[in-house]
Amino acid sequence: MRIFTEQALKEYAEEHPDSKVALQEWVTIVKKSEWACFADIKKTFNSADSVGNQHYVFNVKGNNYRLVVVVKFTVKFVYIRFIGTHKEYDKIDCANI
């Protein structure tokens, strides 16, 4: 998979150093993946959720952070839409960001 807006994760990790290793691991795993459907995401990240509108939510660092992405399976693109704490995540409409 190719990750667009990966820079957002790097910037977030600089502001939240405790997230850095977990985000780097997520990026490494995603780049090696060849997802064709949500079931493939679940095989890779069992705790991932589909929230509709091609949006998927990942728990990062033991659910301390939430990552929302849009996945375009046919073209193998992953777009970063949101990264934040669980509390910040609770305030957004993750299917429409």
PDB file of N, CA and C in Angstrom:
ATOM      1  N   MET A   1       0.851  -1.178   0.000  1.00  0.00           N
ATOM      2  CA  MET A   1       0.000   0.000   0.000  1.00  0.00           C
ATOM      3  C   MET A   1       0.897   1.241   0.000  1.00  0.00           C
ATOM      4  N   ARG A   2       0.377   2.298  -0.583  1.00  0.00           N
ATOM      5  CA  ARG A   2       1.082   3.583  -0.549  1.00  0.00           C
ATOM      6  C   ARG A   2       0.337   4.510   0.404  1.00  0.00           C
ATOM      7  N   ILE A   3       1.082   5.202   1.222  1.00  0.00           N
ATOM      8  CA  ILE A   3       0.489   6.095   2.219  1.00  0.00           C
ATOM      9  C   ILE A   3       0.673   7.537   1.764  1.00  0.00           C
ATOM     10  N   PHE A   4      -0.453   8.233   1.631  1.00  0.00           N
ATOM     11  CA  PHE A   4      -0.412   9.656   1.327  1.00  0.00           C
ATOM     12  C   PHE A   4      -0.571  10.442   2.618  1.00  0.00           C
ATOM     13  N   THR A   5       0.027  11.574   2.661  1.00  0.00           N
ATOM     14  CA  THR A   5       0.026  12.442   3.851  1.00  0.00           C
ATOM     15  C   THR A   5       0.730  11.782   5.041  1.00  0.00           C
ATOM     16  N   GLU A   6       1.719  10.963   4.738  1.00  0.00           N
ATOM     17  CA  GLU A   6       2.512  10.326   5.798  1.00  0.00           C
ATOM     18  C   GLU A   6       3.206  11.375   6.665  1.00  0.00           C
ATOM     19  N   GLN A   7       3.489  12.524   6.079  1.00  0.00           N
ATOM     20  CA  GLN A   7       4.139  13.604   6.815  1.00  0.00           C
ATOM     21  C   GLN A   7       3.330  13.994   8.048  1.00  0.00           C
ATOM     22  N   ALA A   8       2.016  13.905   7.962  1.00  0.00           N
ATOM     23  CA  ALA A   8       1.159  14.237   9.110  1.00  0.00           C
ATOM     24  C   ALA A   8       1.476  13.333  10.298  1.00  0.00           C
ATOM     25  N   LEU A   9       1.765  12.071  10.037  1.00  0.00           N
ATOM     26  CA  LEU A   9       2.112  11.143  11.117  1.00  0.00           C
ATOM     27  C   LEU A   9       3.467  11.498  11.724  1.00  0.00           C
ATOM     28  N   LYS A  10       4.406  11.873  10.875  1.00  0.00           N
ATOM     29  CA  LYS A  10       5.734  12.259  11.368  1.00  0.00           C
ATOM     30  C   LYS A  10       5.642  13.501  12.249  1.00  0.00           C
ATOM     31  N   GLU A  11       4.853  14.474  11.804  1.00  0.00           N
ATOM     32  CA  GLU A  11       4.687  15.702  12.587  1.00  0.00           C
ATOM     33  C   GLU A  11       3.991  15.410  13.912  1.00  0.00           C
ATOM     34  N   TYR A  12       2.987  14.547  13.869  1.00  0.00           N
ATOM     35  CA  TYR A  12       2.272  14.190  15.096  1.00  0.00           C
ATOM     36  C   TYR A  12       3.214  13.489  16.075  1.00  0.00           C
ATOM     37  N   ALA A  13       4.042  12.600  15.552  1.00  0.00           N
ATOM     38  CA  ALA A  13       4.981  11.860  16.399  1.00  0.00           C
ATOM     39  C   ALA A  13       5.997  12.794  17.050  1.00  0.00           C
ATOM     40  N   GLU A  14       6.361  13.850  16.359  1.00  0.00           N
ATOM     41  CA  GLU A  14       7.287  14.813  16.961  1.00  0.00           C
ATOM     42  C   GLU A  14       6.629  15.559  18.115  1.00  0.00           C
ATOM     43  N   GLU A  15       5.350  15.847  17.974  1.00  0.00           N
ATOM     44  CA  GLU A  15       4.607  16.538  19.031  1.00  0.00           C
ATOM     45  C   GLU A  15       4.233  15.596  20.173  1.00  0.00           C
ATOM     46  N   HIS A  16       4.114  14.303  19.865  1.00  0.00           N
ATOM     47  CA  HIS A  16       3.724  13.280  20.841  1.00  0.00           C
ATOM     48  C   HIS A  16       4.741  12.140  20.761  1.00  0.00           C
ATOM     49  N   PRO A  17       5.919  12.326  21.342  1.00  0.00           N
ATOM     50  CA  PRO A  17       7.016  11.358  21.197  1.00  0.00           C
ATOM     51  C   PRO A  17       6.666   9.931  21.607  1.00  0.00           C
ATOM     52  N   ASP A  18       5.741   9.769  22.537  1.00  0.00           N
ATOM     53  CA  ASP A  18       5.384   8.412  22.964  1.00  0.00           C
ATOM     54  C   ASP A  18       4.647   7.637  21.872  1.00  0.00           C
ATOM     55  N   SER A  19       4.173   8.322  20.832  1.00  0.00           N
ATOM     56  CA  SER A  19       3.475   7.655  19.734  1.00  0.00           C
ATOM     57  C   SER A  19       4.414   7.261  18.597  1.00  0.00           C
ATOM     58  N   LYS A  20       5.631   7.756  18.622  1.00  0.00           N
ATOM     59  CA  LYS A  20       6.533   7.638  17.472  1.00  0.00           C
ATOM     60  C   LYS A  20       6.792   6.197  17.044  1.00  0.00           C
ATOM     61  N   VAL A  21       7.192   5.354  17.957  1.00  0.00           N
ATOM     62  CA  VAL A  21       7.526   3.966  17.603  1.00  0.00           C
ATOM     63  C   VAL A  21       6.299   3.240  17.060  1.00  0.00           C
ATOM     64  N   ALA A  22       5.172   3.404  17.713  1.00  0.00           N
ATOM     65  CA  ALA A  22       3.946   2.727  17.271  1.00  0.00           C
ATOM     66  C   ALA A  22       3.521   3.203  15.885  1.00  0.00           C
ATOM     67  N   LEU A  23       3.622   4.496  15.626  1.00  0.00           N
ATOM     68  CA  LEU A  23       3.257   5.016  14.306  1.00  0.00           C
ATOM     69  C   LEU A  23       4.230   4.530  13.237  1.00  0.00           C
ATOM     70  N   GLN A  24       5.511   4.482  13.564  1.00  0.00           N
ATOM     71  CA  GLN A  24       6.500   3.967  12.613  1.00  0.00           C
ATOM     72  C   GLN A  24       6.222   2.500  12.285  1.00  0.00           C
ATOM     73  N   GLU A  25       5.854   1.719  13.293  1.00  0.00           N
ATOM     74  CA  GLU A  25       5.524   0.308  13.063  1.00  0.00           C
ATOM     75  C   GLU A  25       4.298   0.186  12.172  1.00  0.00           C
ATOM     76  N   TRP A  26       3.278   1.018  12.427  1.00  0.00           N
ATOM     77  CA  TRP A  26       2.061   0.996  11.608  1.00  0.00           C
ATOM     78  C   TRP A  26       2.412   1.292  10.157  1.00  0.00           C
ATOM     79  N   VAL A  27       3.210   2.326   9.925  1.00  0.00           N
ATOM     80  CA  VAL A  27       3.608   2.707   8.566  1.00  0.00           C
ATOM     81  C   VAL A  27       4.354   1.560   7.885  1.00  0.00           C
ATOM     82  N   THR A  28       5.296   0.957   8.565  1.00  0.00           N
ATOM     83  CA  THR A  28       6.077  -0.140   7.993  1.00  0.00           C
ATOM     84  C   THR A  28       5.179  -1.300   7.588  1.00  0.00           C
ATOM     85  N   ILE A  29       4.262  -1.668   8.451  1.00  0.00           N
ATOM     86  CA  ILE A  29       3.348  -2.779   8.164  1.00  0.00           C
ATOM     87  C   ILE A  29       2.451  -2.451   6.986  1.00  0.00           C
ATOM     88  N   VAL A  30       1.888  -1.247   6.971  1.00  0.00           N
ATOM     89  CA  VAL A  30       0.964  -0.863   5.895  1.00  0.00           C
ATOM     90  C   VAL A  30       1.680  -0.841   4.549  1.00  0.00           C
ATOM     91  N   LYS A  31       2.879  -0.318   4.511  1.00  0.00           N
ATOM     92  CA  LYS A  31       3.616  -0.250   3.246  1.00  0.00           C
ATOM     93  C   LYS A  31       3.922  -1.633   2.677  1.00  0.00           C
ATOM     94  N   LYS A  32       4.036  -2.627   3.535  1.00  0.00           N
ATOM     95  CA  LYS A  32       4.307  -3.996   3.088  1.00  0.00           C
ATOM     96  C   LYS A  32       3.028  -4.752   2.724  1.00  0.00           C
ATOM     97  N   SER A  33       1.882  -4.177   3.041  1.00  0.00           N
ATOM     98  CA  SER A  33       0.601  -4.857   2.846  1.00  0.00           C
ATOM     99  C   SER A  33       0.082  -4.683   1.425  1.00  0.00           C
ATOM    100  N   GLU A  34      -0.776  -5.609   1.030  1.00  0.00           N
ATOM    101  CA  GLU A  34      -1.448  -5.578  -0.275  1.00  0.00           C
ATOM    102  C   GLU A  34      -2.936  -5.814  -0.046  1.00  0.00           C
ATOM    103  N   TRP A  35      -3.592  -4.896   0.634  1.00  0.00           N
ATOM    104  CA  TRP A  35      -4.994  -5.073   0.973  1.00  0.00           C
ATOM    105  C   TRP A  35      -5.894  -4.970  -0.254  1.00  0.00           C
ATOM    106  N   ALA A  36      -6.847  -5.887  -0.336  1.00  0.00           N
ATOM    107  CA  ALA A  36      -7.843  -5.853  -1.403  1.00  0.00           C
ATOM    108  C   ALA A  36      -9.238  -5.595  -0.855  1.00  0.00           C
ATOM    109  N   CYS A  37      -9.394  -5.747   0.467  1.00  0.00           N
ATOM    110  CA  CYS A  37     -10.703  -5.556   1.092  1.00  0.00           C
ATOM    111  C   CYS A  37     -10.509  -5.396   2.606  1.00  0.00           C
ATOM    112  N   PHE A  38     -11.602  -5.073   3.286  1.00  0.00           N
ATOM    113  CA  PHE A  38     -11.516  -4.866   4.730  1.00  0.00           C
ATOM    114  C   PHE A  38     -11.055  -6.126   5.460  1.00  0.00           C
ATOM    115  N   ALA A  39     -11.430  -7.290   4.971  1.00  0.00           N
ATOM    116  CA  ALA A  39     -10.996  -8.536   5.616  1.00  0.00           C
ATOM    117  C   ALA A  39      -9.470  -8.626   5.658  1.00  0.00           C
ATOM    118  N   ASP A  40      -8.810  -8.107   4.634  1.00  0.00           N
ATOM    119  CA  ASP A  40      -7.344  -8.097   4.622  1.00  0.00           C
ATOM    120  C   ASP A  40      -6.793  -7.169   5.701  1.00  0.00           C
ATOM    121  N   ILE A  41      -7.450  -6.023   5.888  1.00  0.00           N
ATOM    122  CA  ILE A  41      -7.033  -5.114   6.960  1.00  0.00           C
ATOM    123  C   ILE A  41      -7.168  -5.819   8.303  1.00  0.00           C
ATOM    124  N   LYS A  42      -8.296  -6.510   8.508  1.00  0.00           N
ATOM    125  CA  LYS A  42      -8.535  -7.207   9.780  1.00  0.00           C
ATOM    126  C   LYS A  42      -7.496  -8.300  10.036  1.00  0.00           C
ATOM    127  N   LYS A  43      -7.022  -8.941   8.982  1.00  0.00           N
ATOM    128  CA  LYS A  43      -5.974  -9.947   9.150  1.00  0.00           C
ATOM    129  C   LYS A  43      -4.677  -9.308   9.632  1.00  0.00           C
ATOM    130  N   THR A  44      -4.446  -8.083   9.186  1.00  0.00           N
ATOM    131  CA  THR A  44      -3.224  -7.369   9.552  1.00  0.00           C
ATOM    132  C   THR A  44      -3.350  -6.691  10.903  1.00  0.00           C
ATOM    133  N   PHE A  45      -4.486  -6.023  11.113  1.00  0.00           N
ATOM    134  CA  PHE A  45      -4.757  -5.284  12.350  1.00  0.00           C
ATOM    135  C   PHE A  45      -6.123  -5.726  12.863  1.00  0.00           C
ATOM    136  N   ASN A  46      -6.142  -6.690  13.743  1.00  0.00           N
ATOM    137  CA  ASN A  46      -7.396  -7.275  14.218  1.00  0.00           C
ATOM    138  C   ASN A  46      -8.337  -6.267  14.856  1.00  0.00           C
ATOM    139  N   SER A  47      -7.802  -5.215  15.456  1.00  0.00           N
ATOM    140  CA  SER A  47      -8.659  -4.249  16.149  1.00  0.00           C
ATOM    141  C   SER A  47      -9.171  -3.142  15.234  1.00  0.00           C
ATOM    142  N   ALA A  48      -8.813  -3.163  13.955  1.00  0.00           N
ATOM    143  CA  ALA A  48      -9.274  -2.128  13.022  1.00  0.00           C
ATOM    144  C   ALA A  48     -10.785  -2.208  12.844  1.00  0.00           C
ATOM    145  N   ASP A  49     -11.383  -1.052  12.614  1.00  0.00           N
ATOM    146  CA  ASP A  49     -12.830  -0.981  12.401  1.00  0.00           C
ATOM    147  C   ASP A  49     -13.138  -0.247  11.108  1.00  0.00           C
ATOM    148  N   SER A  50     -14.175  -0.708  10.429  1.00  0.00           N
ATOM    149  CA  SER A  50     -14.718   0.002   9.278  1.00  0.00           C
ATOM    150  C   SER A  50     -15.837   0.889   9.792  1.00  0.00           C
ATOM    151  N   VAL A  51     -15.769   2.183   9.465  1.00  0.00           N
ATOM    152  CA  VAL A  51     -16.789   3.112   9.957  1.00  0.00           C
ATOM    153  C   VAL A  51     -17.610   3.695   8.812  1.00  0.00           C
ATOM    154  N   GLY A  52     -17.500   3.109   7.634  1.00  0.00           N
ATOM    155  CA  GLY A  52     -18.280   3.542   6.485  1.00  0.00           C
ATOM    156  C   GLY A  52     -17.553   4.572   5.644  1.00  0.00           C
ATOM    157  N   ASN A  53     -18.045   4.743   4.433  1.00  0.00           N
ATOM    158  CA  ASN A  53     -17.534   5.770   3.529  1.00  0.00           C
ATOM    159  C   ASN A  53     -16.040   5.584   3.242  1.00  0.00           C
ATOM    160  N   GLN A  54     -15.598   4.333   3.176  1.00  0.00           N
ATOM    161  CA  GLN A  54     -14.206   3.948   2.921  1.00  0.00           C
ATOM    162  C   GLN A  54     -13.238   4.397   4.019  1.00  0.00           C
ATOM    163  N   HIS A  55     -13.772   4.703   5.196  1.00  0.00           N
ATOM    164  CA  HIS A  55     -12.960   5.134   6.336  1.00  0.00           C
ATOM    165  C   HIS A  55     -12.743   3.954   7.292  1.00  0.00           C
ATOM    166  N   TYR A  56     -11.511   3.861   7.803  1.00  0.00           N
ATOM    167  CA  TYR A  56     -11.138   2.786   8.709  1.00  0.00           C
ATOM    168  C   TYR A  56     -10.391   3.379   9.895  1.00  0.00           C
ATOM    169  N   VAL A  57     -10.619   2.791  11.059  1.00  0.00           N
ATOM    170  CA  VAL A  57     -10.029   3.297  12.299  1.00  0.00           C
ATOM    171  C   VAL A  57      -9.073   2.248  12.858  1.00  0.00           C
ATOM    172  N   PHE A  58      -7.896   2.726  13.255  1.00  0.00           N
ATOM    173  CA  PHE A  58      -6.872   1.872  13.842  1.00  0.00           C
ATOM    174  C   PHE A  58      -6.550   2.357  15.241  1.00  0.00           C
ATOM    175  N   ASN A  59      -6.389   1.418  16.151  1.00  0.00           N
ATOM    176  CA  ASN A  59      -5.890   1.732  17.487  1.00  0.00           C
ATOM    177  C   ASN A  59      -4.368   1.756  17.406  1.00  0.00           C
ATOM    178  N   VAL A  60      -3.778   2.782  17.972  1.00  0.00           N
ATOM    179  CA  VAL A  60      -2.325   2.927  17.944  1.00  0.00           C
ATOM    180  C   VAL A  60      -1.817   3.010  19.376  1.00  0.00           C
ATOM    181  N   LYS A  61      -0.753   2.307  19.627  1.00  0.00           N
ATOM    182  CA  LYS A  61      -0.119   2.275  20.951  1.00  0.00           C
ATOM    183  C   LYS A  61      -1.119   1.860  22.028  1.00  0.00           C
ATOM    184  N   GLY A  62      -1.674   0.681  21.840  1.00  0.00           N
ATOM    185  CA  GLY A  62      -2.589   0.138  22.841  1.00  0.00           C
ATOM    186  C   GLY A  62      -3.847   0.958  23.027  1.00  0.00           C
ATOM    187  N   ASN A  63      -4.333   1.547  21.955  1.00  0.00           N
ATOM    188  CA  ASN A  63      -5.562   2.345  21.978  1.00  0.00           C
ATOM    189  C   ASN A  63      -5.375   3.704  22.660  1.00  0.00           C
ATOM    190  N   ASN A  64      -4.136   4.127  22.867  1.00  0.00           N
ATOM    191  CA  ASN A  64      -3.900   5.481  23.378  1.00  0.00           C
ATOM    192  C   ASN A  64      -4.198   6.519  22.307  1.00  0.00           C
ATOM    193  N   TYR A  65      -4.002   6.119  21.046  1.00  0.00           N
ATOM    194  CA  TYR A  65      -4.245   7.006  19.914  1.00  0.00           C
ATOM    195  C   TYR A  65      -5.153   6.305  18.920  1.00  0.00           C
ATOM    196  N   ARG A  66      -5.864   7.108  18.154  1.00  0.00           N
ATOM    197  CA  ARG A  66      -6.708   6.585  17.084  1.00  0.00           C
ATOM    198  C   ARG A  66      -6.257   7.200  15.771  1.00  0.00           C
ATOM    199  N   LEU A  67      -6.213   6.378  14.764  1.00  0.00           N
ATOM    200  CA  LEU A  67      -5.817   6.791  13.428  1.00  0.00           C
ATOM    201  C   LEU A  67      -6.965   6.472  12.480  1.00  0.00           C
ATOM    202  N   VAL A  68      -7.438   7.490  11.765  1.00  0.00           N
ATOM    203  CA  VAL A  68      -8.517   7.308  10.792  1.00  0.00           C
ATOM    204  C   VAL A  68      -7.926   7.502   9.403  1.00  0.00           C
ATOM    205  N   VAL A  69      -8.188   6.543   8.540  1.00  0.00           N
ATOM    206  CA  VAL A  69      -7.676   6.615   7.168  1.00  0.00           C
ATOM    207  C   VAL A  69      -8.795   6.300   6.183  1.00  0.00           C
ATOM    208  N   VAL A  70      -8.592   6.750   4.960  1.00  0.00           N
ATOM    209  CA  VAL A  70      -9.422   6.326   3.835  1.00  0.00           C
ATOM    210  C   VAL A  70      -8.570   5.360   3.031  1.00  0.00           C
ATOM    211  N   VAL A  71      -9.134   4.213   2.688  1.00  0.00           N
ATOM    212  CA  VAL A  71      -8.402   3.231   1.891  1.00  0.00           C
ATOM    213  C   VAL A  71      -9.089   3.084   0.542  1.00  0.00           C
ATOM    214  N   LYS A  72      -8.307   3.247  -0.512  1.00  0.00           N
ATOM    215  CA  LYS A  72      -8.760   3.016  -1.887  1.00  0.00           C
ATOM    216  C   LYS A  72      -8.102   1.708  -2.334  1.00  0.00           C
ATOM    217  N   PHE A  73      -8.837   0.620  -2.164  1.00  0.00           N
ATOM    218  CA  PHE A  73      -8.267  -0.703  -2.402  1.00  0.00           C
ATOM    219  C   PHE A  73      -7.800  -0.901  -3.839  1.00  0.00           C
ATOM    220  N   THR A  74      -8.573  -0.413  -4.810  1.00  0.00           N
ATOM    221  CA  THR A  74      -8.248  -0.681  -6.213  1.00  0.00           C
ATOM    222  C   THR A  74      -6.933  -0.053  -6.650  1.00  0.00           C
ATOM    223  N   VAL A  75      -6.570   1.059  -6.045  1.00  0.00           N
ATOM    224  CA  VAL A  75      -5.323   1.733  -6.417  1.00  0.00           C
ATOM    225  C   VAL A  75      -4.257   1.632  -5.325  1.00  0.00           C
ATOM    226  N   LYS A  76      -4.575   0.901  -4.245  1.00  0.00           N
ATOM    227  CA  LYS A  76      -3.622   0.627  -3.157  1.00  0.00           C
ATOM    228  C   LYS A  76      -3.146   1.895  -2.448  1.00  0.00           C
ATOM    229  N   PHE A  77      -4.068   2.838  -2.237  1.00  0.00           N
ATOM    230  CA  PHE A  77      -3.745   4.091  -1.551  1.00  0.00           C
ATOM    231  C   PHE A  77      -4.356   4.115  -0.166  1.00  0.00           C
ATOM    232  N   VAL A  78      -3.615   4.660   0.784  1.00  0.00           N
ATOM    233  CA  VAL A  78      -4.103   4.907   2.136  1.00  0.00           C
ATOM    234  C   VAL A  78      -3.906   6.398   2.410  1.00  0.00           C
ATOM    235  N   TYR A  79      -4.996   7.078   2.714  1.00  0.00           N
ATOM    236  CA  TYR A  79      -4.958   8.511   2.994  1.00  0.00           C
ATOM    237  C   TYR A  79      -5.163   8.744   4.488  1.00  0.00           C
ATOM    238  N   ILE A  80      -4.239   9.407   5.116  1.00  0.00           N
ATOM    239  CA  ILE A  80      -4.367   9.742   6.534  1.00  0.00           C
ATOM    240  C   ILE A  80      -5.383  10.869   6.664  1.00  0.00           C
ATOM    241  N   ARG A  81      -6.409  10.665   7.480  1.00  0.00           N
ATOM    242  CA  ARG A  81      -7.439  11.687   7.668  1.00  0.00           C
ATOM    243  C   ARG A  81      -7.411  12.288   9.068  1.00  0.00           C
ATOM    244  N   PHE A  82      -6.983  11.492  10.070  1.00  0.00           N
ATOM    245  CA  PHE A  82      -6.978  11.973  11.453  1.00  0.00           C
ATOM    246  C   PHE A  82      -6.038  11.117  12.281  1.00  0.00           C
ATOM    247  N   ILE A  83      -5.300  11.773  13.154  1.00  0.00           N
ATOM    248  CA  ILE A  83      -4.549  11.086  14.203  1.00  0.00           C
ATOM    249  C   ILE A  83      -4.748  11.907  15.464  1.00  0.00           C
ATOM    250  N   GLY A  84      -5.086  11.226  16.546  1.00  0.00           N
ATOM    251  CA  GLY A  84      -5.303  11.944  17.800  1.00  0.00           C
ATOM    252  C   GLY A  84      -5.519  10.985  18.946  1.00  0.00           C
ATOM    253  N   THR A  85      -5.693  11.566  20.110  1.00  0.00           N
ATOM    254  CA  THR A  85      -5.960  10.757  21.291  1.00  0.00           C
ATOM    255  C   THR A  85      -7.364  10.174  21.199  1.00  0.00           C
ATOM    256  N   HIS A  86      -7.622   9.216  22.038  1.00  0.00           N
ATOM    257  CA  HIS A  86      -8.954   8.619  22.078  1.00  0.00           C
ATOM    258  C   HIS A  86      -9.995   9.695  22.397  1.00  0.00           C
ATOM    259  N   LYS A  87      -9.670  10.599  23.304  1.00  0.00           N
ATOM    260  CA  LYS A  87     -10.583  11.679  23.687  1.00  0.00           C
ATOM    261  C   LYS A  87     -10.864  12.605  22.501  1.00  0.00           C
ATOM    262  N   GLU A  88      -9.832  12.939  21.735  1.00  0.00           N
ATOM    263  CA  GLU A  88     -10.012  13.785  20.550  1.00  0.00           C
ATOM    264  C   GLU A  88     -10.838  13.062  19.494  1.00  0.00           C
ATOM    265  N   TYR A  89     -10.599  11.776  19.338  1.00  0.00           N
ATOM    266  CA  TYR A  89     -11.337  10.961  18.376  1.00  0.00           C
ATOM    267  C   TYR A  89     -12.829  10.959  18.689  1.00  0.00           C
ATOM    268  N   ASP A  90     -13.169  10.915  19.958  1.00  0.00           N
ATOM    269  CA  ASP A  90     -14.578  10.885  20.353  1.00  0.00           C
ATOM    270  C   ASP A  90     -15.339  12.134  19.921  1.00  0.00           C
ATOM    271  N   LYS A  91     -14.633  13.197  19.568  1.00  0.00           N
ATOM    272  CA  LYS A  91     -15.269  14.462  19.196  1.00  0.00           C
ATOM    273  C   LYS A  91     -15.466  14.626  17.688  1.00  0.00           C
ATOM    274  N   ILE A  92     -15.009  13.664  16.893  1.00  0.00           N
ATOM    275  CA  ILE A  92     -15.101  13.816  15.442  1.00  0.00           C
ATOM    276  C   ILE A  92     -16.120  12.851  14.845  1.00  0.00           C
ATOM    277  N   ASP A  93     -16.551  13.155  13.645  1.00  0.00           N
ATOM    278  CA  ASP A  93     -17.380  12.249  12.858  1.00  0.00           C
ATOM    279  C   ASP A  93     -16.422  11.524  11.918  1.00  0.00           C
ATOM    280  N   CYS A  94     -15.898  10.410  12.368  1.00  0.00           N
ATOM    281  CA  CYS A  94     -14.783   9.775  11.673  1.00  0.00           C
ATOM    282  C   CYS A  94     -15.132   9.252  10.281  1.00  0.00           C
ATOM    283  N   ALA A  95     -16.392   9.036   9.985  1.00  0.00           N
ATOM    284  CA  ALA A  95     -16.769   8.556   8.657  1.00  0.00           C
ATOM    285  C   ALA A  95     -16.820   9.682   7.633  1.00  0.00           C
ATOM    286  N   ASN A  96     -16.769  10.918   8.099  1.00  0.00           N
ATOM    287  CA  ASN A  96     -16.928  12.046   7.177  1.00  0.00           C
ATOM    288  C   ASN A  96     -15.826  13.090   7.274  1.00  0.00           C
ATOM    289  N   ILE A  97     -14.680  12.732   7.805  1.00  0.00           N
ATOM    290  CA  ILE A  97     -13.586  13.710   7.855  1.00  0.00           C
ATOM    291  C   ILE A  97     -12.690  13.558   6.639  1.00  0.00           C
TER     292      ILE A  97
END
